[in-house]
Structures are given as structure tokens and as C-alpha cells.
Amino acid sequence: MTCRGQRDRAELPIGRQVARWRVRRRMTQQVFADRLGKSKSWVDKVERGVRALDRYSVIQEIAEVLHLDPAILLGPRQPPPSTAPRLDGVDAVRAALARYHRPQLRAVPGDQVERHLTHAWLTYQHAHYAQLLRSLPALLDAAHGAPALLVPAYRITASVLVKLGEAGLAWLAADRGHRC
């Protein structure tokens, strides 16, 4: 096979890649759909490009059924699509996590921190992540003055960061909470 042939295949749309690999695995659209728990119509639309594969979790399921690495379907230059919107505020949370060892400048009453935490969890449950990101740095700073509430503050921080696809930063927040 020539390099040009390899390059041409890598540039195929993802739906066409799925179709090509499905045929190579000797699966009909119906068998493939059954293994995915989807309809034959869904598979047909994906393969024709009528339905977009814009969730990485779905691409992972397809790759698993086809016994492939998801990167093969995505191609060499295409990063996996994000399942969460990119929101501003992650850098502010990163900075707040970096202030881990600094002493608290002003103490915030514990009941106020507790109310802030309750509001943070409600905001998280309603998926208002942008609003929560804006409030997390202040919550983390305030929680340092109320050590009993520091672990829940790191926990909500880790939870929202996971939702936003910031796994490394979420791991840091979880680790900080574990060390309290």
C-alpha cells in the first residue's frame, strides 16, 4: 500500500471510517447496530455522514465493538471531541488550587462557607458550570478558614472539573481534599 493510500484513508470522514471497519470486521449494519444497542437506521445515518459522531463516549463504544483504538477512527490530526463545553474560569480555579499552602488572609464564618457550599452543589446539580467556576476560587479560599469544610470544597471542585474535561486539575483537587 502506498503512503498516499494510507493518507487518503486517514482523511475519510469518521462515518466512512466506521463503515470501512465494519465491513472489514464482516458485520452487517444490523449486527453492528445490535452490538451497539442502536437501530440499523442510526448506523446507516452515521456511515453516510447524515448523523454526526460528536460525542467521544459514542466513538469509544463504536471502537470497542470494532475492536479498534478510538484514535484510528478519529485520524491522526483530529483530537477527540469534547463532551463538555469549554468554559472560562478554569484558570482561576487553577490559581486557587495553587494557593493551597498560603495562610488565609481574612477568616470567613463557617456558616457562610457552608451556605456557599450548599449553593455550589445546587449550581452543579443544575449544570450551571460557568457560574460555579466563577464562584469556586472564592469558595476554596474561604474554606481554608473553615477546615471542616475544606474537603467538601475540594470535592465540588473536582466534580465540576471532571464534568468539564479537566481531569488533571480534578485529580489535583481530589488529592488536595484527600490530604486535609
C-alpha atoms as a PDB file:
ATOM      1  CA  MET A   1       0.000   0.000   0.000  1.00  0.00           C
ATOM      2  CA  THR A   2       1.330   3.428  -0.859  1.00  0.00           C
ATOM      3  CA  CYS A   3       1.731   6.281   1.567  1.00  0.00           C
ATOM      4  CA  ARG A   4      -0.817   8.203  -0.467  1.00  0.00           C
ATOM      5  CA  GLY A   5      -3.403   5.416   0.049  1.00  0.00           C
ATOM      6  CA  GLN A   6      -2.814   5.471   3.803  1.00  0.00           C
ATOM      7  CA  ARG A   7      -3.105   9.243   3.901  1.00  0.00           C
ATOM      8  CA  ASP A   8      -6.329   9.196   1.850  1.00  0.00           C
ATOM      9  CA  ARG A   9      -7.947   6.721   4.264  1.00  0.00           C
ATOM     10  CA  ALA A  10      -6.964   8.751   7.299  1.00  0.00           C
ATOM     11  CA  GLU A  11      -8.699  11.751   5.758  1.00  0.00           C
ATOM     12  CA  LEU A  12     -12.004   9.911   5.295  1.00  0.00           C
ATOM     13  CA  PRO A  13     -14.875  11.285   7.379  1.00  0.00           C
ATOM     14  CA  ILE A  14     -15.428   9.346  10.579  1.00  0.00           C
ATOM     15  CA  GLY A  15     -18.680   7.823   9.319  1.00  0.00           C
ATOM     16  CA  ARG A  16     -16.907   6.410   6.299  1.00  0.00           C
ATOM     17  CA  GLN A  17     -14.152   5.082   8.579  1.00  0.00           C
ATOM     18  CA  VAL A  18     -16.815   3.318  10.671  1.00  0.00           C
ATOM     19  CA  ALA A  19     -18.347   1.778   7.542  1.00  0.00           C
ATOM     20  CA  ARG A  20     -14.962   0.636   6.257  1.00  0.00           C
ATOM     21  CA  TRP A  21     -14.023  -1.011   9.556  1.00  0.00           C
ATOM     22  CA  ARG A  22     -17.482  -2.555   9.983  1.00  0.00           C
ATOM     23  CA  VAL A  23     -17.133  -4.213   6.556  1.00  0.00           C
ATOM     24  CA  ARG A  24     -13.567  -5.340   7.377  1.00  0.00           C
ATOM     25  CA  ARG A  25     -14.951  -6.975  10.541  1.00  0.00           C
ATOM     26  CA  ARG A  26     -17.582  -8.682   8.367  1.00  0.00           C
ATOM     27  CA  MET A  27     -20.542  -7.216  10.181  1.00  0.00           C
ATOM     28  CA  THR A  28     -23.783  -6.178   8.577  1.00  0.00           C
ATOM     29  CA  GLN A  29     -25.282  -2.856   9.602  1.00  0.00           C
ATOM     30  CA  GLN A  30     -27.910  -4.777  11.580  1.00  0.00           C
ATOM     31  CA  VAL A  31     -25.364  -6.867  13.516  1.00  0.00           C
ATOM     32  CA  PHE A  32     -23.287  -3.758  14.205  1.00  0.00           C
ATOM     33  CA  ALA A  33     -26.375  -1.839  15.339  1.00  0.00           C
ATOM     34  CA  ASP A  34     -27.414  -4.684  17.648  1.00  0.00           C
ATOM     35  CA  ARG A  35     -23.965  -4.793  19.269  1.00  0.00           C
ATOM     36  CA  LEU A  36     -24.121  -1.029  19.845  1.00  0.00           C
ATOM     37  CA  GLY A  37     -27.702  -1.099  21.073  1.00  0.00           C
ATOM     38  CA  LYS A  38     -28.704   1.263  18.262  1.00  0.00           C
ATOM     39  CA  SER A  39     -31.005   0.972  15.265  1.00  0.00           C
ATOM     40  CA  LYS A  40     -29.878  -0.006  11.769  1.00  0.00           C
ATOM     41  CA  SER A  41     -31.137   3.392  10.627  1.00  0.00           C
ATOM     42  CA  TRP A  42     -28.824   5.111  13.142  1.00  0.00           C
ATOM     43  CA  VAL A  43     -25.825   3.158  11.813  1.00  0.00           C
ATOM     44  CA  ASP A  44     -26.761   3.967   8.225  1.00  0.00           C
ATOM     45  CA  LYS A  45     -27.037   7.694   9.010  1.00  0.00           C
ATOM     46  CA  VAL A  46     -23.682   7.691  10.815  1.00  0.00           C
ATOM     47  CA  GLU A  47     -21.942   5.920   7.955  1.00  0.00           C
ATOM     48  CA  ARG A  48     -23.421   8.302   5.357  1.00  0.00           C
ATOM     49  CA  GLY A  49     -22.479  11.357   7.443  1.00  0.00           C
ATOM     50  CA  VAL A  50     -26.091  12.425   7.986  1.00  0.00           C
ATOM     51  CA  ARG A  51     -25.696  11.940  11.731  1.00  0.00           C
ATOM     52  CA  ALA A  52     -22.550  13.377  13.336  1.00  0.00           C
ATOM     53  CA  LEU A  53     -20.448  11.481  15.832  1.00  0.00           C
ATOM     54  CA  ASP A  54     -19.755  14.383  18.162  1.00  0.00           C
ATOM     55  CA  ARG A  55     -19.510  12.559  21.491  1.00  0.00           C
ATOM     56  CA  TYR A  56     -16.295  10.801  22.356  1.00  0.00           C
ATOM     57  CA  SER A  57     -18.158   8.257  24.514  1.00  0.00           C
ATOM     58  CA  VAL A  58     -20.095   7.078  21.428  1.00  0.00           C
ATOM     59  CA  ILE A  59     -16.882   6.904  19.394  1.00  0.00           C
ATOM     60  CA  GLN A  60     -15.362   4.786  22.172  1.00  0.00           C
ATOM     61  CA  GLU A  61     -18.352   2.390  22.093  1.00  0.00           C
ATOM     62  CA  ILE A  62     -18.076   2.060  18.309  1.00  0.00           C
ATOM     63  CA  ALA A  63     -14.333   1.457  18.542  1.00  0.00           C
ATOM     64  CA  GLU A  64     -14.887  -1.192  21.219  1.00  0.00           C
ATOM     65  CA  VAL A  65     -17.393  -3.076  19.039  1.00  0.00           C
ATOM     66  CA  LEU A  66     -14.988  -2.848  16.086  1.00  0.00           C
ATOM     67  CA  HIS A  67     -12.032  -3.870  18.297  1.00  0.00           C
ATOM     68  CA  LEU A  68     -10.136  -0.665  17.489  1.00  0.00           C
ATOM     69  CA  ASP A  69      -8.387   2.153  19.248  1.00  0.00           C
ATOM     70  CA  PRO A  70     -10.666   5.245  19.008  1.00  0.00           C
ATOM     71  CA  ALA A  71      -7.706   7.195  17.609  1.00  0.00           C
ATOM     72  CA  ILE A  72      -7.885   5.083  14.443  1.00  0.00           C
ATOM     73  CA  LEU A  73     -11.401   6.345  13.760  1.00  0.00           C
ATOM     74  CA  LEU A  74     -10.536   9.920  14.653  1.00  0.00           C
ATOM     75  CA  GLY A  75      -7.485  10.088  12.435  1.00  0.00           C
ATOM     76  CA  PRO A  76      -4.013  11.372  13.275  1.00  0.00           C
ATOM     77  CA  ARG A  77      -4.740  15.094  13.329  1.00  0.00           C
ATOM     78  CA  GLN A  78      -8.231  15.183  14.805  1.00  0.00           C
ATOM     79  CA  PRO A  79      -8.464  15.404  18.608  1.00  0.00           C
ATOM     80  CA  PRO A  80     -11.318  13.606  20.356  1.00  0.00           C
ATOM     81  CA  PRO A  81     -14.411  15.778  20.571  1.00  0.00           C
ATOM     82  CA  SER A  82     -15.104  17.168  23.995  1.00  0.00           C
ATOM     83  CA  THR A  83     -18.249  16.053  25.768  1.00  0.00           C
ATOM     84  CA  ALA A  84     -18.319  19.283  27.764  1.00  0.00           C
ATOM     85  CA  PRO A  85     -18.244  22.894  26.682  1.00  0.00           C
ATOM     86  CA  ARG A  86     -15.016  24.804  27.215  1.00  0.00           C
ATOM     87  CA  LEU A  87     -15.771  27.444  29.809  1.00  0.00           C
ATOM     88  CA  ASP A  88     -13.731  30.341  31.087  1.00  0.00           C
ATOM     89  CA  GLY A  89     -12.778  30.228  34.740  1.00  0.00           C
ATOM     90  CA  VAL A  90     -10.661  27.084  34.810  1.00  0.00           C
ATOM     91  CA  ASP A  91      -7.505  29.198  35.124  1.00  0.00           C
ATOM     92  CA  ALA A  92      -8.955  30.988  38.164  1.00  0.00           C
ATOM     93  CA  VAL A  93      -9.690  27.621  39.784  1.00  0.00           C
ATOM     94  CA  ARG A  94      -6.138  26.506  38.938  1.00  0.00           C
ATOM     95  CA  ALA A  95      -4.798  29.634  40.663  1.00  0.00           C
ATOM     96  CA  ALA A  96      -6.986  28.988  43.718  1.00  0.00           C
ATOM     97  CA  LEU A  97      -5.663  25.434  43.913  1.00  0.00           C
ATOM     98  CA  ALA A  98      -2.122  26.839  43.711  1.00  0.00           C
ATOM     99  CA  ARG A  99      -2.809  28.893  46.858  1.00  0.00           C
ATOM    100  CA  TYR A 100      -3.084  25.636  48.793  1.00  0.00           C
ATOM    101  CA  HIS A 101      -0.344  26.393  51.342  1.00  0.00           C
ATOM    102  CA  ARG A 102      -0.879  30.121  51.768  1.00  0.00           C
ATOM    103  CA  PRO A 103      -2.406  31.320  55.013  1.00  0.00           C
ATOM    104  CA  GLN A 104      -5.957  32.678  54.926  1.00  0.00           C
ATOM    105  CA  LEU A 105      -5.970  36.476  54.608  1.00  0.00           C
ATOM    106  CA  ARG A 106      -9.358  37.003  56.203  1.00  0.00           C
ATOM    107  CA  ALA A 107     -11.484  34.476  58.015  1.00  0.00           C
ATOM    108  CA  VAL A 108     -14.971  33.747  56.701  1.00  0.00           C
ATOM    109  CA  PRO A 109     -17.505  32.418  59.230  1.00  0.00           C
ATOM    110  CA  GLY A 110     -18.085  28.675  58.906  1.00  0.00           C
ATOM    111  CA  ASP A 111     -21.841  29.029  58.444  1.00  0.00           C
ATOM    112  CA  GLN A 112     -21.253  31.359  55.496  1.00  0.00           C
ATOM    113  CA  VAL A 113     -18.847  28.875  53.913  1.00  0.00           C
ATOM    114  CA  GLU A 114     -21.409  26.124  54.491  1.00  0.00           C
ATOM    115  CA  ARG A 115     -24.113  28.149  52.698  1.00  0.00           C
ATOM    116  CA  HIS A 116     -21.687  28.813  49.864  1.00  0.00           C
ATOM    117  CA  LEU A 117     -21.026  25.046  49.602  1.00  0.00           C
ATOM    118  CA  THR A 118     -24.740  24.234  49.548  1.00  0.00           C
ATOM    119  CA  HIS A 119     -25.253  26.784  46.788  1.00  0.00           C
ATOM    120  CA  ALA A 120     -22.285  25.330  44.876  1.00  0.00           C
ATOM    121  CA  TRP A 121     -23.774  21.822  44.944  1.00  0.00           C
ATOM    122  CA  LEU A 122     -27.166  23.118  43.780  1.00  0.00           C
ATOM    123  CA  THR A 123     -25.470  25.044  40.978  1.00  0.00           C
ATOM    124  CA  TYR A 124     -23.605  21.873  39.998  1.00  0.00           C
ATOM    125  CA  GLN A 125     -26.786  19.780  40.050  1.00  0.00           C
ATOM    126  CA  HIS A 126     -28.473  22.296  37.748  1.00  0.00           C
ATOM    127  CA  ALA A 127     -25.450  22.147  35.386  1.00  0.00           C
ATOM    128  CA  HIS A 128     -24.658  25.857  35.663  1.00  0.00           C
ATOM    129  CA  TYR A 129     -20.957  25.134  35.344  1.00  0.00           C
ATOM    130  CA  ALA A 130     -19.873  28.595  34.176  1.00  0.00           C
ATOM    131  CA  GLN A 131     -21.482  30.180  37.237  1.00  0.00           C
ATOM    132  CA  LEU A 132     -19.953  27.559  39.504  1.00  0.00           C
ATOM    133  CA  LEU A 133     -16.487  28.070  38.009  1.00  0.00           C
ATOM    134  CA  ARG A 134     -16.701  31.772  38.793  1.00  0.00           C
ATOM    135  CA  SER A 135     -17.562  31.088  42.436  1.00  0.00           C
ATOM    136  CA  LEU A 136     -15.131  28.235  43.138  1.00  0.00           C
ATOM    137  CA  PRO A 137     -11.959  30.298  43.715  1.00  0.00           C
ATOM    138  CA  ALA A 138     -13.675  32.326  46.474  1.00  0.00           C
ATOM    139  CA  LEU A 139     -15.157  29.152  47.965  1.00  0.00           C
ATOM    140  CA  LEU A 140     -11.766  27.449  48.066  1.00  0.00           C
ATOM    141  CA  ASP A 141     -10.142  30.490  49.656  1.00  0.00           C
ATOM    142  CA  ALA A 142     -12.925  30.780  52.252  1.00  0.00           C
ATOM    143  CA  ALA A 143     -12.866  27.065  53.047  1.00  0.00           C
ATOM    144  CA  HIS A 144      -9.240  27.326  54.186  1.00  0.00           C
ATOM    145  CA  GLY A 145     -10.573  29.280  57.158  1.00  0.00           C
ATOM    146  CA  ALA A 146     -13.069  26.502  57.986  1.00  0.00           C
ATOM    147  CA  PRO A 147     -11.025  23.274  57.886  1.00  0.00           C
ATOM    148  CA  ALA A 148     -14.068  21.039  58.408  1.00  0.00           C
ATOM    149  CA  LEU A 149     -15.478  22.332  55.113  1.00  0.00           C
ATOM    150  CA  LEU A 150     -12.281  22.106  53.109  1.00  0.00           C
ATOM    151  CA  VAL A 151     -12.846  18.513  51.965  1.00  0.00           C
ATOM    152  CA  PRO A 152     -16.360  19.217  50.575  1.00  0.00           C
ATOM    153  CA  ALA A 153     -14.999  22.334  48.834  1.00  0.00           C
ATOM    154  CA  TYR A 154     -12.315  20.287  47.082  1.00  0.00           C
ATOM    155  CA  ARG A 155     -14.884  17.608  46.293  1.00  0.00           C
ATOM    156  CA  ILE A 156     -17.229  20.000  44.461  1.00  0.00           C
ATOM    157  CA  THR A 157     -14.228  21.470  42.676  1.00  0.00           C
ATOM    158  CA  ALA A 158     -13.070  18.039  41.494  1.00  0.00           C
ATOM    159  CA  SER A 159     -16.605  17.115  40.426  1.00  0.00           C
ATOM    160  CA  VAL A 160     -17.128  20.136  38.204  1.00  0.00           C
ATOM    161  CA  LEU A 161     -13.644  19.861  36.713  1.00  0.00           C
ATOM    162  CA  VAL A 162     -14.337  16.254  35.716  1.00  0.00           C
ATOM    163  CA  LYS A 163     -17.564  17.376  34.022  1.00  0.00           C
ATOM    164  CA  LEU A 164     -15.609  19.986  32.087  1.00  0.00           C
ATOM    165  CA  GLY A 165     -12.984  17.525  30.897  1.00  0.00           C
ATOM    166  CA  GLU A 166     -10.217  18.901  33.115  1.00  0.00           C
ATOM    167  CA  ALA A 167      -9.192  15.517  34.539  1.00  0.00           C
ATOM    168  CA  GLY A 168      -5.666  16.522  35.572  1.00  0.00           C
ATOM    169  CA  LEU A 169      -6.858  19.527  37.522  1.00  0.00           C
ATOM    170  CA  ALA A 170      -9.722  17.492  39.007  1.00  0.00           C
ATOM    171  CA  TRP A 171      -7.184  14.939  40.201  1.00  0.00           C
ATOM    172  CA  LEU A 172      -5.230  17.728  41.910  1.00  0.00           C
ATOM    173  CA  ALA A 173      -8.381  18.996  43.667  1.00  0.00           C
ATOM    174  CA  ALA A 174      -9.286  15.478  44.784  1.00  0.00           C
ATOM    175  CA  ASP A 175      -5.752  14.922  46.066  1.00  0.00           C
ATOM    176  CA  ARG A 176      -5.871  18.196  47.994  1.00  0.00           C
ATOM    177  CA  GLY A 177      -9.161  17.118  49.567  1.00  0.00           C
ATOM    178  CA  HIS A 178      -7.694  13.757  50.489  1.00  0.00           C
ATOM    179  CA  ARG A 179      -4.749  15.396  52.259  1.00  0.00           C
ATOM    180  CA  CYS A 180      -6.955  17.558  54.500  1.00  0.00           C
END
